[in-house]
Protein backbone atom coordinates (compact mmCIF):
# COMPACT_ATOMS: atom_id res chain seq x y z
CA MET A 1 -58.35 -24.53 181.52
CA ILE A 2 -57.79 -28.00 180.06
CA GLU A 3 -61.32 -29.13 181.01
CA ARG A 4 -62.72 -26.16 179.10
CA SER A 5 -60.44 -26.69 176.06
CA LEU A 6 -58.59 -23.43 176.70
CA ALA A 7 -55.04 -23.30 175.39
CA LEU A 8 -52.46 -23.29 178.16
CA SER A 9 -48.67 -23.53 177.94
CA VAL A 10 -47.17 -22.22 181.20
CA PHE A 11 -48.30 -22.42 184.83
CA HIS A 12 -46.86 -19.57 186.86
CA PHE A 13 -46.29 -19.43 190.63
CA ASP A 14 -46.18 -15.87 191.92
CA CYS A 15 -44.59 -14.57 195.13
CA PHE A 16 -46.37 -16.74 197.67
CA TRP A 17 -44.74 -19.92 196.44
CA MET A 18 -42.28 -18.75 199.12
CA ARG A 19 -43.24 -17.77 202.65
CA GLY A 20 -44.19 -14.15 203.20
CA PHE A 21 -41.41 -11.93 204.59
CA HIS A 22 -38.84 -14.47 203.41
CA TRP A 23 -38.59 -13.05 199.88
CA SER A 24 -36.37 -14.19 198.54
CA ASP A 25 -35.15 -17.47 199.99
CA PHE A 26 -36.17 -19.73 197.06
CA VAL A 27 -37.74 -22.26 199.40
CA TRP A 28 -41.24 -23.58 198.65
CA HIS A 29 -43.78 -22.72 201.33
CA PRO A 30 -43.89 -25.99 203.31
CA GLN A 31 -47.56 -25.70 204.34
CA THR A 32 -48.89 -24.62 200.95
CA PHE A 33 -46.62 -26.87 198.87
CA PRO A 34 -45.61 -29.88 200.98
CA ASP A 35 -44.49 -31.85 197.92
CA PRO A 36 -43.18 -29.34 195.36
CA GLN A 37 -41.30 -31.95 193.35
CA GLY A 38 -44.37 -34.14 192.99
CA MET A 39 -46.49 -31.12 192.09
CA ILE A 40 -44.05 -29.98 189.41
CA ASP A 41 -43.88 -33.50 188.00
CA ARG A 42 -47.68 -33.65 187.77
CA ILE A 43 -47.88 -30.27 186.03
CA LYS A 44 -45.21 -31.20 183.53
CA ALA A 45 -46.91 -34.54 182.86
CA LYS A 46 -49.74 -32.46 181.38
CA GLY A 47 -47.32 -30.96 178.87
CA LEU A 48 -47.02 -27.61 180.66
CA LYS A 49 -44.02 -25.46 181.49
CA VAL A 50 -43.43 -24.08 185.00
CA CYS A 51 -42.47 -20.49 185.85
CA VAL A 52 -41.74 -19.10 189.32
CA TRP A 53 -41.50 -15.54 190.62
CA ILE A 54 -38.17 -14.20 191.87
CA ASN A 55 -36.55 -10.88 192.66
CA PRO A 56 -33.03 -9.69 193.59
CA TYR A 57 -33.94 -8.65 197.14
CA ILE A 58 -33.11 -10.67 200.26
CA ALA A 59 -35.34 -10.06 203.29
CA GLN A 60 -33.64 -10.05 206.67
CA ARG A 61 -35.86 -12.96 207.70
CA SER A 62 -34.59 -15.06 204.76
CA HIS A 63 -31.97 -17.61 205.73
CA LEU A 64 -29.92 -16.26 202.83
CA PHE A 65 -29.54 -12.82 204.41
CA ALA A 66 -26.97 -13.86 207.03
CA GLU A 67 -25.08 -15.91 204.45
CA GLY A 68 -25.02 -13.05 201.94
CA MET A 69 -23.95 -10.54 204.59
CA GLU A 70 -21.15 -12.78 205.90
CA LYS A 71 -19.73 -13.40 202.44
CA GLY A 72 -20.04 -9.81 201.24
CA TYR A 73 -22.63 -10.55 198.58
CA LEU A 74 -25.02 -7.71 199.49
CA VAL A 75 -24.74 -4.03 198.56
CA THR A 76 -23.26 -1.96 201.40
CA GLU A 77 -23.31 1.56 202.72
CA ALA A 78 -20.20 3.75 202.83
CA ASN A 79 -19.39 2.57 206.37
CA GLY A 80 -19.44 -1.08 205.32
CA ASP A 81 -22.82 -1.97 206.80
CA VAL A 82 -25.25 -3.87 204.60
CA TRP A 83 -27.71 -1.45 202.99
CA GLN A 84 -31.28 -2.22 204.11
CA TRP A 85 -34.75 -0.79 203.92
CA ASP A 86 -38.34 -1.86 204.62
CA MET A 87 -40.11 -0.65 201.47
CA TRP A 88 -40.77 -4.13 200.08
CA GLN A 89 -39.61 -6.66 202.67
CA ALA A 90 -38.61 -5.96 206.26
CA GLY A 91 -34.90 -5.20 206.46
CA MET A 92 -34.26 -6.37 202.93
CA GLY A 93 -30.82 -6.25 201.31
CA LEU A 94 -29.82 -6.14 197.66
CA VAL A 95 -27.69 -8.72 195.85
CA ASP A 96 -24.57 -7.08 194.39
CA PHE A 97 -24.41 -8.31 190.80
CA THR A 98 -21.18 -6.38 190.21
CA ASN A 99 -19.57 -9.09 192.37
CA PRO A 100 -19.02 -12.26 190.28
CA GLU A 101 -19.06 -14.43 193.40
CA ALA A 102 -22.36 -12.93 194.54
CA THR A 103 -23.84 -13.53 191.09
CA ALA A 104 -22.71 -17.16 191.12
CA TRP A 105 -24.14 -17.58 194.63
CA TYR A 106 -27.53 -16.17 193.59
CA LEU A 107 -27.65 -18.29 190.43
CA SER A 108 -26.83 -21.44 192.39
CA LYS A 109 -30.13 -21.00 194.24
CA LEU A 110 -31.97 -20.74 190.91
CA GLN A 111 -30.14 -23.76 189.55
CA ALA A 112 -31.65 -25.87 192.33
CA LEU A 113 -35.11 -24.83 191.10
CA LEU A 114 -34.21 -25.64 187.50
CA ASP A 115 -33.05 -29.06 188.66
CA MET A 116 -36.55 -29.60 190.09
CA GLY A 117 -38.11 -28.92 186.70
CA VAL A 118 -38.77 -25.18 186.76
CA ASP A 119 -38.44 -23.86 183.19
CA CYS A 120 -38.27 -20.07 183.52
CA PHE A 121 -38.40 -17.17 185.94
CA LYS A 122 -40.48 -14.05 186.37
CA THR A 123 -37.76 -11.54 187.28
CA ASP A 124 -39.79 -9.00 189.19
CA PHE A 125 -38.52 -5.67 190.53
CA GLY A 126 -34.89 -4.67 189.99
CA GLU A 127 -35.83 -1.00 190.23
CA ARG A 128 -35.77 1.58 193.10
CA ILE A 129 -32.03 1.01 193.34
CA PRO A 130 -30.41 3.27 195.98
CA THR A 131 -27.73 5.78 195.01
CA ASP A 132 -26.13 6.22 198.46
CA VAL A 133 -24.39 2.83 198.43
CA VAL A 134 -21.06 1.24 197.58
CA TRP A 135 -20.75 -1.41 194.86
CA HIS A 136 -18.25 -4.27 194.86
CA ASP A 137 -16.57 -3.14 191.63
CA GLY A 138 -16.66 0.57 192.51
CA SER A 139 -19.39 1.40 190.00
CA ASP A 140 -20.90 4.89 190.03
CA PRO A 141 -24.08 4.60 192.16
CA GLN A 142 -25.93 7.02 189.87
CA ARG A 143 -25.13 4.83 186.87
CA MET A 144 -26.13 1.69 188.73
CA HIS A 145 -29.59 3.08 189.47
CA ASN A 146 -30.72 2.07 185.97
CA TYR A 147 -28.01 -0.42 185.07
CA TYR A 148 -28.73 -2.78 187.97
CA THR A 149 -31.74 -4.34 186.24
CA TYR A 150 -29.55 -5.09 183.21
CA LEU A 151 -27.10 -7.08 185.36
CA PHE A 152 -29.94 -8.86 187.20
CA ASN A 153 -31.76 -9.99 184.08
CA GLN A 154 -28.54 -10.72 182.20
CA ALA A 155 -27.45 -13.11 184.96
CA VAL A 156 -30.75 -14.98 185.14
CA PHE A 157 -31.19 -15.12 181.36
CA GLY A 158 -27.63 -16.39 180.97
CA LEU A 159 -28.32 -19.24 183.39
CA LEU A 160 -31.47 -20.20 181.50
CA LYS A 161 -29.65 -20.05 178.20
CA GLU A 162 -26.96 -22.33 179.59
CA THR A 163 -29.33 -24.88 181.11
CA GLN A 164 -32.37 -24.77 178.81
CA GLY A 165 -30.53 -24.25 175.55
CA GLU A 166 -30.39 -21.60 172.83
CA GLY A 167 -33.85 -20.40 171.92
CA GLU A 168 -35.45 -21.82 175.08
CA ALA A 169 -34.36 -19.18 177.59
CA VAL A 170 -37.15 -16.78 178.51
CA LEU A 171 -37.87 -14.38 181.37
CA PHE A 172 -40.93 -12.42 182.39
CA ALA A 173 -39.19 -9.22 183.43
CA ARG A 174 -40.65 -5.99 184.77
CA SER A 175 -37.79 -3.49 184.87
CA ALA A 176 -35.39 -2.73 182.03
CA THR A 177 -32.87 -0.29 180.70
CA ALA A 178 -31.06 0.20 177.39
CA GLY A 179 -29.92 -3.18 176.11
CA GLY A 180 -32.41 -5.12 178.20
CA GLN A 181 -34.16 -6.33 175.04
CA GLN A 182 -31.48 -9.03 174.87
CA PHE A 183 -33.22 -10.76 177.79
CA PRO A 184 -36.91 -11.10 176.84
CA VAL A 185 -39.78 -11.03 177.68
CA HIS A 186 -40.85 -7.81 179.46
CA TRP A 187 -44.30 -7.02 180.75
CA GLY A 188 -46.02 -3.81 181.74
CA GLY A 189 -46.15 -4.16 185.51
CA ASP A 190 -48.93 -3.42 187.98
CA CYS A 191 -51.63 -1.49 186.13
CA GLU A 192 -55.22 -0.92 187.22
CA SER A 193 -58.10 -3.06 185.96
CA THR A 194 -59.90 -0.44 183.83
CA TYR A 195 -60.29 0.56 180.20
CA VAL A 196 -58.10 3.59 180.89
CA ALA A 197 -55.32 1.40 182.27
CA MET A 198 -55.71 -0.97 179.31
CA ALA A 199 -55.12 1.94 176.93
CA GLU A 200 -52.23 3.22 179.06
CA SER A 201 -50.65 -0.24 179.00
CA LEU A 202 -50.79 -0.34 175.22
CA ARG A 203 -49.21 3.09 174.88
CA GLY A 204 -46.44 2.02 177.25
CA GLY A 205 -45.85 -1.16 175.28
CA LEU A 206 -45.66 0.70 171.98
CA SER A 207 -43.17 3.13 173.52
CA LEU A 208 -41.09 0.17 174.67
CA ALA A 209 -41.24 -1.25 171.14
CA LEU A 210 -39.91 2.02 169.72
CA SER A 211 -37.08 1.74 172.25
CA GLY A 212 -35.89 -1.49 170.63
CA PHE A 213 -37.73 -4.17 172.62
CA GLY A 214 -39.00 -6.92 170.35
CA PHE A 215 -41.43 -8.62 172.74
CA TRP A 216 -43.93 -7.23 175.24
CA SER A 217 -46.76 -8.47 177.41
CA HIS A 218 -49.20 -7.24 180.05
CA ASP A 219 -51.52 -8.62 182.71
CA ILE A 220 -54.77 -9.52 180.96
CA GLY A 221 -57.55 -7.78 182.85
CA GLY A 222 -55.12 -5.54 184.71
CA PHE A 223 -53.38 -6.21 188.03
CA GLU A 224 -54.69 -3.94 190.78
CA GLY A 225 -58.40 -4.06 191.60
CA TYR A 226 -60.86 -6.43 189.98
CA PRO A 227 -61.99 -5.90 186.38
CA ASP A 228 -65.56 -5.61 185.29
CA PRO A 229 -66.44 -8.65 183.10
CA ALA A 230 -66.62 -6.35 180.07
CA VAL A 231 -63.10 -5.03 180.74
CA PHE A 232 -61.81 -8.56 181.23
CA LYS A 233 -63.27 -9.78 177.93
CA ARG A 234 -61.98 -6.80 175.94
CA TRP A 235 -58.53 -7.15 177.54
CA THR A 236 -58.53 -10.90 176.78
CA ALA A 237 -58.94 -10.26 173.06
CA PHE A 238 -56.13 -7.67 173.19
CA GLY A 239 -53.94 -9.94 175.31
CA PHE A 240 -54.00 -12.83 172.89
CA MET A 241 -53.06 -10.51 170.05
CA SER A 242 -49.85 -9.59 171.91
CA SER A 243 -46.50 -11.32 171.57
CA HIS A 244 -47.02 -13.13 174.90
CA SER A 245 -50.29 -13.65 176.77
CA ARG A 246 -50.78 -14.07 180.52
CA PHE A 247 -53.73 -14.06 182.93
CA HIS A 248 -52.58 -12.48 186.21
CA GLY A 249 -53.94 -10.26 188.96
CA SER A 250 -53.56 -9.10 192.54
CA ASN A 251 -55.57 -10.72 195.36
CA SER A 252 -57.89 -12.50 192.95
CA TYR A 253 -58.04 -15.37 190.51
CA ARG A 254 -58.16 -14.23 186.89
CA VAL A 255 -59.56 -17.33 185.23
CA PRO A 256 -62.32 -16.54 182.72
CA TRP A 257 -65.07 -18.74 184.18
CA LEU A 258 -65.14 -16.61 187.35
CA PHE A 259 -66.43 -13.70 185.25
CA ASP A 260 -69.06 -15.37 183.08
CA GLU A 261 -69.45 -18.09 180.47
CA GLU A 262 -69.04 -15.59 177.67
CA ALA A 263 -65.57 -14.82 179.03
CA VAL A 264 -64.74 -18.50 178.59
CA GLU A 265 -65.91 -18.38 174.97
CA VAL A 266 -63.96 -15.19 174.29
CA THR A 267 -60.84 -16.74 175.78
CA ARG A 268 -61.25 -19.90 173.73
CA LYS A 269 -61.81 -18.00 170.49
CA PHE A 270 -58.84 -15.68 170.75
CA ALA A 271 -56.52 -18.27 172.26
CA ASN A 272 -57.36 -20.61 169.38
CA LEU A 273 -56.82 -17.79 166.92
CA LYS A 274 -53.37 -17.08 168.35
CA MET A 275 -52.43 -20.76 168.19
CA SER A 276 -53.48 -20.87 164.54
CA LEU A 277 -51.43 -17.73 163.85
CA MET A 278 -48.22 -19.27 165.20
CA PRO A 279 -46.68 -19.77 161.72
CA TYR A 280 -46.98 -15.98 161.33
CA VAL A 281 -46.18 -14.96 164.93
CA GLY A 282 -43.25 -17.38 165.15
CA GLN A 283 -41.59 -15.78 162.15
CA LEU A 284 -42.18 -12.35 163.69
CA GLY A 285 -40.31 -13.56 166.76
CA GLU A 286 -37.35 -14.56 164.62
CA ILE A 287 -37.37 -11.16 162.91
CA ALA A 288 -37.41 -9.46 166.33
CA ALA A 289 -34.50 -11.58 167.55
CA SER A 290 -32.33 -11.30 164.44
CA GLN A 291 -33.21 -7.84 163.09
CA GLY A 292 -34.63 -5.97 166.09
CA THR A 293 -37.99 -5.11 164.53
CA PRO A 294 -40.62 -5.61 167.26
CA VAL A 295 -43.48 -8.09 167.03
CA MET A 296 -46.01 -5.43 168.08
CA ARG A 297 -45.31 -2.36 165.97
CA PRO A 298 -46.58 1.18 166.45
CA MET A 299 -48.49 2.36 163.39
CA LEU A 300 -45.83 4.96 162.60
CA LEU A 301 -43.24 2.20 162.20
CA GLU A 302 -45.17 0.69 159.28
CA PHE A 303 -46.70 3.93 157.93
CA PRO A 304 -44.19 6.73 158.60
CA GLN A 305 -45.59 8.91 155.80
CA ASP A 306 -49.20 8.67 157.01
CA ARG A 307 -49.76 11.70 159.27
CA SER A 308 -52.85 10.13 160.86
CA ALA A 309 -51.08 6.83 161.58
CA ARG A 310 -48.05 8.55 163.14
CA ALA A 311 -50.05 9.92 166.07
CA ILE A 312 -52.02 6.78 166.98
CA GLY A 313 -51.35 5.03 170.29
CA THR A 314 -54.55 2.97 170.55
CA GLN A 315 -53.84 0.37 167.88
CA TYR A 316 -50.82 -1.34 166.35
CA MET A 317 -49.56 -3.70 163.71
CA LEU A 318 -48.87 -7.29 164.72
CA GLY A 319 -45.96 -7.69 162.36
CA GLY A 320 -46.22 -5.95 159.02
CA ASN A 321 -49.45 -7.57 157.84
CA LEU A 322 -52.07 -7.52 160.61
CA LEU A 323 -53.69 -4.42 162.13
CA VAL A 324 -54.94 -4.87 165.72
CA ALA A 325 -57.29 -2.32 167.27
CA PRO A 326 -58.22 -3.24 170.87
CA VAL A 327 -61.70 -2.15 171.93
CA PHE A 328 -61.67 0.16 174.96
CA ASP A 329 -65.43 0.27 175.42
CA PRO A 330 -68.25 -2.19 176.15
CA THR A 331 -69.71 -1.79 172.66
CA THR A 332 -67.86 0.56 170.31
CA ALA A 333 -64.42 0.78 168.69
CA GLU A 334 -62.87 3.74 166.94
CA PHE A 335 -59.97 2.83 164.69
CA TYR A 336 -57.98 4.08 161.74
CA VAL A 337 -57.39 2.19 158.49
CA PRO A 338 -54.48 3.27 156.25
CA GLU A 339 -54.71 3.40 152.50
CA GLY A 340 -56.05 0.39 150.62
CA THR A 341 -58.66 -2.32 151.06
CA TRP A 342 -58.17 -4.10 154.39
CA THR A 343 -59.94 -7.35 155.28
CA SER A 344 -61.13 -8.58 158.69
CA ILE A 345 -59.61 -12.00 159.33
CA LEU A 346 -62.58 -12.74 161.62
CA SER A 347 -65.57 -11.74 159.49
CA GLY A 348 -64.19 -11.13 156.01
CA LYS A 349 -65.62 -7.58 156.05
CA GLN A 350 -63.55 -5.09 154.07
CA TYR A 351 -62.59 -1.55 155.01
CA GLN A 352 -61.42 1.03 152.52
CA GLY A 353 -58.78 3.43 153.78
CA PRO A 354 -57.45 5.91 154.52
CA ARG A 355 -60.16 6.86 157.00
CA TRP A 356 -61.41 6.47 160.55
CA PHE A 357 -64.19 4.03 161.43
CA THR A 358 -66.54 3.91 164.40
CA GLU A 359 -68.25 0.55 164.71
CA GLU A 360 -69.87 -1.71 167.28
CA PHE A 361 -68.23 -5.04 168.12
CA GLY A 362 -69.36 -7.92 170.29
CA PHE A 363 -67.02 -9.19 172.97
CA ASP A 364 -65.96 -12.01 170.65
CA GLU A 365 -64.99 -9.51 167.95
CA MET A 366 -62.41 -6.78 167.41
CA PRO A 367 -60.83 -5.05 164.43
CA LEU A 368 -58.20 -7.52 163.15
CA LEU A 369 -57.47 -6.43 159.61
CA ALA A 370 -55.19 -8.01 157.05
CA ARG A 371 -53.13 -5.53 155.08
CA PRO A 372 -53.83 -5.44 151.33
CA ASN A 373 -51.42 -7.31 149.06
CA THR A 374 -50.27 -9.67 151.80
CA VAL A 375 -50.31 -13.37 152.60
CA ILE A 376 -50.71 -14.57 156.19
CA PRO A 377 -49.96 -18.21 157.04
CA PHE A 378 -52.40 -19.96 159.39
CA GLY A 379 -51.43 -23.17 161.14
CA SER A 380 -53.39 -26.38 161.55
CA GLU A 381 -53.48 -26.52 165.37
CA ILE A 382 -55.52 -24.44 167.83
CA GLU A 383 -54.70 -26.04 171.18
CA ARG A 384 -50.94 -25.49 171.56
CA PRO A 385 -48.35 -23.07 170.16
CA ASP A 386 -45.60 -25.67 169.78
CA TYR A 387 -46.59 -27.76 166.77
CA ASP A 388 -45.06 -28.16 163.32
CA TRP A 389 -46.05 -24.79 161.92
CA ASP A 390 -45.17 -25.76 158.36
CA GLN A 391 -47.40 -28.83 158.19
CA ASN A 392 -50.84 -28.34 156.63
CA VAL A 393 -50.36 -24.59 156.74
CA THR A 394 -52.97 -22.46 154.97
CA LEU A 395 -51.77 -19.40 153.05
CA HIS A 396 -54.50 -16.75 153.24
CA ALA A 397 -54.06 -14.19 150.46
CA TYR A 398 -55.62 -10.74 150.90
CA GLU A 399 -56.29 -8.32 148.03
CA LEU A 400 -53.25 -9.34 145.99
CA GLU A 401 -52.34 -6.91 143.23
CA ASP A 402 -51.95 -8.15 139.67
CA GLY A 403 -48.29 -9.08 139.21
CA ALA A 404 -47.70 -9.61 142.93
CA GLU A 405 -44.87 -11.97 143.94
CA ILE A 406 -44.81 -12.62 147.70
CA THR A 407 -42.49 -14.94 149.60
CA VAL A 408 -43.87 -16.44 152.80
CA THR A 409 -41.39 -17.90 155.29
CA VAL A 410 -42.47 -20.27 158.07
CA ALA A 411 -39.94 -20.77 160.85
CA SER A 412 -39.29 -24.04 162.61
CA GLN A 413 -41.06 -24.26 165.95
CA HIS A 414 -38.02 -26.09 167.28
CA ASN A 415 -35.65 -23.27 166.32
CA SER A 416 -37.10 -20.10 164.85
CA ALA A 417 -33.74 -19.27 163.26
CA GLU A 418 -34.28 -22.26 160.97
CA VAL A 419 -36.72 -22.23 158.06
CA ALA A 420 -39.27 -25.04 158.10
CA GLY A 421 -40.91 -24.06 154.85
CA GLN A 422 -41.00 -21.30 152.28
CA PHE A 423 -43.64 -20.48 149.69
CA GLU A 424 -44.03 -18.15 146.74
CA VAL A 425 -47.49 -16.70 146.12
CA THR A 426 -48.17 -14.87 142.85
CA ARG A 427 -51.04 -13.28 140.99
CA GLU A 428 -51.31 -13.08 137.21
CA ALA A 429 -54.57 -11.52 136.02
CA ASN A 430 -57.30 -13.50 137.78
CA VAL A 431 -55.16 -16.48 138.78
CA ILE A 432 -53.47 -16.73 142.18
CA SER A 433 -50.86 -19.48 142.56
CA ALA A 434 -48.75 -20.78 145.41
CA ARG A 435 -45.77 -23.11 145.21
CA ARG A 436 -43.58 -24.61 147.87
CA ILE A 437 -39.96 -23.45 147.62
CA SER A 438 -38.59 -25.43 150.55
CA GLY A 439 -39.79 -27.98 153.05
CA SER A 440 -42.29 -30.72 152.35
CA GLY A 441 -45.85 -31.67 153.11
CA ALA A 442 -49.36 -30.59 152.29
CA PHE A 443 -50.47 -26.96 152.35
CA ALA A 444 -53.42 -24.91 151.16
CA LEU A 445 -54.07 -21.58 149.46
CA GLN A 446 -57.18 -19.65 150.42
CA VAL A 447 -58.76 -16.48 149.07
CA GLY A 448 -62.00 -15.54 150.77
CA GLU A 449 -64.03 -18.76 150.99
CA THR A 450 -62.20 -20.44 148.11
CA ARG A 451 -59.56 -22.95 149.13
CA VAL A 452 -57.31 -25.35 147.23
CA GLU A 453 -54.89 -27.93 148.66
CA GLY A 454 -51.72 -29.55 147.37
CA ASP A 455 -48.14 -30.41 148.26
CA GLN A 456 -46.05 -28.62 145.61
CA GLU A 457 -48.08 -26.06 143.65
CA VAL A 458 -51.73 -24.94 143.65
CA SER A 459 -53.74 -22.30 141.82
CA LEU A 460 -57.21 -20.79 141.97
CA SER A 461 -59.15 -18.37 139.80
CA LEU A 462 -60.89 -15.29 141.15
């Protein structure tokens, strides 16, 4: 990725960082990873974060099984025997997170990984919870069927929050229940590698957003099977226009150069675009965390009075100002544009709504339309997401109405709850002006191809 100038922030180790049939024992596979500490140190020296896969199940072959059984840390049957089944791992048991001592025991194993330099965890599974068991605190087994994942992710997220600091804790969780949005991020699970599954994943994500979850991701290219290069490239564009972006798949590498060189170019283009949009996306993350409005918004959330928009599950708004319409076809996209003149942030082409459009797009293109009468901040970096978003930011104004007064807030990349810079953009007749309200440093105002730079106040004439 680095050799090909492809943006990369996190290197993830999935299940086989541990030995098979030992899941979970939280021990690095000694043959595959003889020097895990040295490996982690080398990865982090490149400026990357490290994530490892975990789940709340303890296989009978794991050295932790006997310990958990002896201490009463595993869920039991009515007769007191440890509950076991073979569905995922042979003879696996289930950590009882209603037991504070069991929770502390489980987290102590994760703490050892954090001490090595691991930054976050992919909290897989946490579903298929049995209802014919006894819980430490006497909880209703029917209630625990869905609530278990809450306790699992709450425990792991709490540890990360304690060790990594406020604003740095992050999971990559699969299962969830009501309230689980407090422990982001969630992803869509094991979908197929097809256009149909890509569309299904989006509909599932939008449903999750309407259920109060602010962040959502999915496996770019799908998980099961192996995607056609066309599917991979279309999914890549969609994936980078999501709140979090991850290449992942089953029984295959999902790096773009294994598909074709065009896939590398598509990845570079949309990864760079996302990095440049971090002043905008970062503020959306703060809104999701503080107000509960999701980053990826179903059309009906932004256009509740538009009968056409209310029924759409194949496109969405990234925040309030950017329409994203993934392309579920090798050549052609069908998408809906609400009322007004919308502008492609890739080509500058304008679309007059309300109406449907059917149009051909190359693999390095997709409908990404700026809402009329909006200003979208673009950052100055394209290689990493964690830069000073406020510095040398460009305020792109789209179809501002006469008399418009728009405030643009750019969060701090160090703490999104803090404001790094704030700007006021106005239009009076044919003059568009921007002035810095807070923060310091150079910025630019751009309308179409016209751009002006300054550090306090700038103006341009249409």
